[in-house]
C-alpha atoms as a PDB file:
ATOM      1  CA  UNK A   1      -0.010   0.029  -0.014  1.00  0.00           C
ATOM      2  CA  UNK A   2       1.326   3.462  -0.946  1.00  0.00           C
ATOM      3  CA  UNK A   3       2.508   5.714   1.817  1.00  0.00           C
ATOM      4  CA  UNK A   4       0.733   9.053   2.126  1.00  0.00           C
ATOM      5  CA  UNK A   5       3.208  11.813   3.026  1.00  0.00           C
ATOM      6  CA  UNK A   6       2.566  15.432   3.654  1.00  0.00           C
ATOM      7  CA  UNK A   7       5.516  17.678   2.728  1.00  0.00           C
ATOM      8  CA  UNK A   8       5.295  21.036   4.462  1.00  0.00           C
ATOM      9  CA  UNK A   9       7.671  23.911   3.620  1.00  0.00           C
ATOM     10  CA  UNK A  10       7.829  27.064   5.605  1.00  0.00           C
ATOM     11  CA  UNK A  11       8.782  30.697   5.074  1.00  0.00           C
ATOM     12  CA  UNK A  12      10.852  31.832   2.129  1.00  0.00           C
ATOM     13  CA  UNK A  13      11.111  28.350   0.652  1.00  0.00           C
ATOM     14  CA  UNK A  14       8.869  29.620  -2.190  1.00  0.00           C
ATOM     15  CA  UNK A  15      12.011  31.564  -3.218  1.00  0.00           C
ATOM     16  CA  UNK A  16      14.213  28.531  -3.694  1.00  0.00           C
ATOM     17  CA  UNK A  17      16.400  28.920  -6.692  1.00  0.00           C
ATOM     18  CA  UNK A  18      16.561  32.673  -6.204  1.00  0.00           C
ATOM     19  CA  UNK A  19      17.301  33.134  -2.490  1.00  0.00           C
ATOM     20  CA  UNK A  20      20.936  32.686  -1.448  1.00  0.00           C
ATOM     21  CA  UNK A  21      21.823  29.961  -4.009  1.00  0.00           C
ATOM     22  CA  UNK A  22      25.184  29.492  -2.336  1.00  0.00           C
ATOM     23  CA  UNK A  23      23.328  28.157   0.734  1.00  0.00           C
ATOM     24  CA  UNK A  24      20.112  26.725  -0.717  1.00  0.00           C
ATOM     25  CA  UNK A  25      21.093  25.815  -4.286  1.00  0.00           C
ATOM     26  CA  UNK A  26      19.480  26.750  -7.547  1.00  0.00           C
ATOM     27  CA  UNK A  27      16.626  24.203  -7.618  1.00  0.00           C
ATOM     28  CA  UNK A  28      13.184  25.803  -7.364  1.00  0.00           C
ATOM     29  CA  UNK A  29      10.547  24.514  -4.980  1.00  0.00           C
ATOM     30  CA  UNK A  30       8.517  23.237  -7.947  1.00  0.00           C
ATOM     31  CA  UNK A  31      11.558  21.403  -9.292  1.00  0.00           C
ATOM     32  CA  UNK A  32      12.136  19.906  -5.835  1.00  0.00           C
ATOM     33  CA  UNK A  33       8.573  18.639  -5.489  1.00  0.00           C
ATOM     34  CA  UNK A  34       8.384  17.442  -9.083  1.00  0.00           C
ATOM     35  CA  UNK A  35      11.579  15.484  -8.544  1.00  0.00           C
ATOM     36  CA  UNK A  36      10.184  13.821  -5.435  1.00  0.00           C
ATOM     37  CA  UNK A  37       7.059  12.765  -7.371  1.00  0.00           C
ATOM     38  CA  UNK A  38       9.246  11.405 -10.203  1.00  0.00           C
ATOM     39  CA  UNK A  39      11.690   9.535  -7.934  1.00  0.00           C
ATOM     40  CA  UNK A  40       9.072   8.120  -5.615  1.00  0.00           C
ATOM     41  CA  UNK A  41       5.967   7.422  -7.818  1.00  0.00           C
ATOM     42  CA  UNK A  42       4.684   4.892  -5.249  1.00  0.00           C
ATOM     43  CA  UNK A  43       4.239   7.695  -2.624  1.00  0.00           C
ATOM     44  CA  UNK A  44       1.088   9.771  -2.490  1.00  0.00           C
ATOM     45  CA  UNK A  45       2.392  13.269  -1.751  1.00  0.00           C
ATOM     46  CA  UNK A  46       0.605  16.376  -0.562  1.00  0.00           C
ATOM     47  CA  UNK A  47       2.757  19.494  -0.844  1.00  0.00           C
ATOM     48  CA  UNK A  48       2.172  22.670   1.155  1.00  0.00           C
ATOM     49  CA  UNK A  49       4.212  25.851   1.399  1.00  0.00           C
ATOM     50  CA  UNK A  50       3.326  28.882   3.415  1.00  0.00           C
ATOM     51  CA  UNK A  51       5.118  31.894   4.847  1.00  0.00           C
ATOM     52  CA  UNK A  52       2.569  32.061   7.648  1.00  0.00           C
ATOM     53  CA  UNK A  53       2.910  30.174  10.935  1.00  0.00           C
ATOM     54  CA  UNK A  54      -0.807  29.569  11.429  1.00  0.00           C
ATOM     55  CA  UNK A  55      -1.145  28.170   7.933  1.00  0.00           C
ATOM     56  CA  UNK A  56       1.657  25.742   8.714  1.00  0.00           C
ATOM     57  CA  UNK A  57      -0.138  24.645  11.898  1.00  0.00           C
ATOM     58  CA  UNK A  58      -3.253  24.158   9.784  1.00  0.00           C
ATOM     59  CA  UNK A  59      -1.300  22.066   7.289  1.00  0.00           C
ATOM     60  CA  UNK A  60      -0.140  19.744  10.108  1.00  0.00           C
ATOM     61  CA  UNK A  61      -3.774  19.394  11.267  1.00  0.00           C
ATOM     62  CA  UNK A  62      -4.821  18.695   7.667  1.00  0.00           C
ATOM     63  CA  UNK A  63      -2.310  15.875   7.542  1.00  0.00           C
ATOM     64  CA  UNK A  64      -4.203  14.256  10.403  1.00  0.00           C
ATOM     65  CA  UNK A  65      -7.552  14.700   8.602  1.00  0.00           C
ATOM     66  CA  UNK A  66      -6.012  13.142   5.471  1.00  0.00           C
ATOM     67  CA  UNK A  67      -4.721  10.133   7.435  1.00  0.00           C
ATOM     68  CA  UNK A  68      -1.192  10.818   6.362  1.00  0.00           C
ATOM     69  CA  UNK A  69       1.390   8.198   7.227  1.00  0.00           C
ATOM     70  CA  UNK A  70       3.946  10.812   7.809  1.00  0.00           C
ATOM     71  CA  UNK A  71       4.999  14.485   7.624  1.00  0.00           C
ATOM     72  CA  UNK A  72       8.219  15.863   6.139  1.00  0.00           C
ATOM     73  CA  UNK A  73       8.560  19.308   7.663  1.00  0.00           C
ATOM     74  CA  UNK A  74      10.986  22.049   6.696  1.00  0.00           C
ATOM     75  CA  UNK A  75       9.744  24.753   9.011  1.00  0.00           C
ATOM     76  CA  UNK A  76      12.657  27.014   7.890  1.00  0.00           C
ATOM     77  CA  UNK A  77      13.159  29.928  10.318  1.00  0.00           C
ATOM     78  CA  UNK A  78      10.200  28.760  12.420  1.00  0.00           C
ATOM     79  CA  UNK A  79      12.261  25.726  13.371  1.00  0.00           C
ATOM     80  CA  UNK A  80      14.042  27.921  15.911  1.00  0.00           C
ATOM     81  CA  UNK A  81      11.081  29.945  17.217  1.00  0.00           C
ATOM     82  CA  UNK A  82       7.768  28.193  16.884  1.00  0.00           C
ATOM     83  CA  UNK A  83       6.216  26.582  19.937  1.00  0.00           C
ATOM     84  CA  UNK A  84       2.985  26.430  17.919  1.00  0.00           C
ATOM     85  CA  UNK A  85       4.474  24.154  15.270  1.00  0.00           C
ATOM     86  CA  UNK A  86       6.128  21.995  17.913  1.00  0.00           C
ATOM     87  CA  UNK A  87       2.761  21.633  19.701  1.00  0.00           C
ATOM     88  CA  UNK A  88       0.951  20.798  16.443  1.00  0.00           C
ATOM     89  CA  UNK A  89       3.449  18.050  15.561  1.00  0.00           C
ATOM     90  CA  UNK A  90       3.162  16.673  19.048  1.00  0.00           C
ATOM     91  CA  UNK A  91      -0.639  16.853  19.094  1.00  0.00           C
ATOM     92  CA  UNK A  92      -1.293  14.993  15.822  1.00  0.00           C
ATOM     93  CA  UNK A  93       1.008  12.115  16.701  1.00  0.00           C
ATOM     94  CA  UNK A  94       1.928  11.568  13.036  1.00  0.00           C
ATOM     95  CA  UNK A  95       5.572  10.561  12.569  1.00  0.00           C
ATOM     96  CA  UNK A  96       7.418  13.622  11.435  1.00  0.00           C
ATOM     97  CA  UNK A  97      10.870  14.084   9.959  1.00  0.00           C
ATOM     98  CA  UNK A  98      12.378  17.583  10.181  1.00  0.00           C
ATOM     99  CA  UNK A  99      14.407  18.489   7.090  1.00  0.00           C
ATOM    100  CA  UNK A 100      16.738  21.311   6.130  1.00  0.00           C
ATOM    101  CA  UNK A 101      18.535  21.935   2.889  1.00  0.00           C
ATOM    102  CA  UNK A 102      21.550  23.470   4.618  1.00  0.00           C
ATOM    103  CA  UNK A 103      23.611  22.134   7.508  1.00  0.00           C
ATOM    104  CA  UNK A 104      22.055  24.346  10.156  1.00  0.00           C
ATOM    105  CA  UNK A 105      24.788  23.409  12.616  1.00  0.00           C
ATOM    106  CA  UNK A 106      27.435  24.968  10.365  1.00  0.00           C
ATOM    107  CA  UNK A 107      25.561  28.259  10.289  1.00  0.00           C
ATOM    108  CA  UNK A 108      24.697  31.010  12.771  1.00  0.00           C
ATOM    109  CA  UNK A 109      24.415  29.969  16.411  1.00  0.00           C
ATOM    110  CA  UNK A 110      20.686  30.751  16.607  1.00  0.00           C
ATOM    111  CA  UNK A 111      20.083  28.075  13.930  1.00  0.00           C
ATOM    112  CA  UNK A 112      21.635  25.322  16.065  1.00  0.00           C
ATOM    113  CA  UNK A 113      18.550  24.783  18.239  1.00  0.00           C
ATOM    114  CA  UNK A 114      15.305  23.386  16.940  1.00  0.00           C
ATOM    115  CA  UNK A 115      12.181  23.599  19.024  1.00  0.00           C
ATOM    116  CA  UNK A 116      10.597  21.028  16.755  1.00  0.00           C
ATOM    117  CA  UNK A 117      13.244  18.284  16.657  1.00  0.00           C
ATOM    118  CA  UNK A 118      12.435  16.808  20.122  1.00  0.00           C
ATOM    119  CA  UNK A 119       8.914  15.844  18.936  1.00  0.00           C
ATOM    120  CA  UNK A 120      10.146  14.465  15.578  1.00  0.00           C
ATOM    121  CA  UNK A 121      11.198  10.911  14.703  1.00  0.00           C
ATOM    122  CA  UNK A 122      14.399  12.324  13.119  1.00  0.00           C
ATOM    123  CA  UNK A 123      16.165  15.292  11.596  1.00  0.00           C
ATOM    124  CA  UNK A 124      17.955  15.392   8.226  1.00  0.00           C
ATOM    125  CA  UNK A 125      20.018  18.417   7.352  1.00  0.00           C
ATOM    126  CA  UNK A 126      22.768  19.534   5.042  1.00  0.00           C
ATOM    127  CA  UNK A 127      22.187  17.409   1.980  1.00  0.00           C
ATOM    128  CA  UNK A 128      20.399  19.987  -0.169  1.00  0.00           C
ATOM    129  CA  UNK A 129      17.333  18.589  -1.990  1.00  0.00           C
ATOM    130  CA  UNK A 130      18.560  15.041  -1.149  1.00  0.00           C
ATOM    131  CA  UNK A 131      17.509  15.813   2.461  1.00  0.00           C
ATOM    132  CA  UNK A 132      13.914  15.345   1.253  1.00  0.00           C
ATOM    133  CA  UNK A 133      14.768  12.096  -0.537  1.00  0.00           C
ATOM    134  CA  UNK A 134      16.364  10.733   2.646  1.00  0.00           C
ATOM    135  CA  UNK A 135      13.256  11.647   4.614  1.00  0.00           C
ATOM    136  CA  UNK A 136      11.060   9.792   2.121  1.00  0.00           C
ATOM    137  CA  UNK A 137      13.341   6.786   2.349  1.00  0.00           C
ATOM    138  CA  UNK A 138      13.058   6.904   6.151  1.00  0.00           C
ATOM    139  CA  UNK A 139       9.285   6.440   5.807  1.00  0.00           C
ATOM    140  CA  UNK A 140       9.767   3.681   3.282  1.00  0.00           C
ATOM    141  CA  UNK A 141      11.895   1.925   5.889  1.00  0.00           C
ATOM    142  CA  UNK A 142       9.052   2.386   8.315  1.00  0.00           C
ATOM    143  CA  UNK A 143       9.977   5.224  10.579  1.00  0.00           C
ATOM    144  CA  UNK A 144       6.942   4.274  12.728  1.00  0.00           C
ATOM    145  CA  UNK A 145       8.708   1.228  14.065  1.00  0.00           C
END
């Protein structure tokens, strides 16, 4: 049976390909999501991007309503500030993998702490777009177990 994964991208990720390509690369968000669909045709993806914290909380709740098997969450800057996103991930009890394109631990000190990571099954960072591939593979290997 196909896995249903909700991929949630936070603020400024709509600017992938334009914003700081030295850090985030030149791939656009559309290219990233199209690539995931192409590489993992057996997965039923739902893709959401928002620059608004409340919309991201709603997206996590929608994953519960949709009976998603997992969430791949790149909360971007909200990773380091959002108790609301942490609480939403904790509340829905859907296995969640936090992802980051860049290695946040090699960047500014404020990026070294994630409020969301403690309620996630795992964190993948620093592999560019492959971070998302690795997260999908974690679900294929049954991250629930």
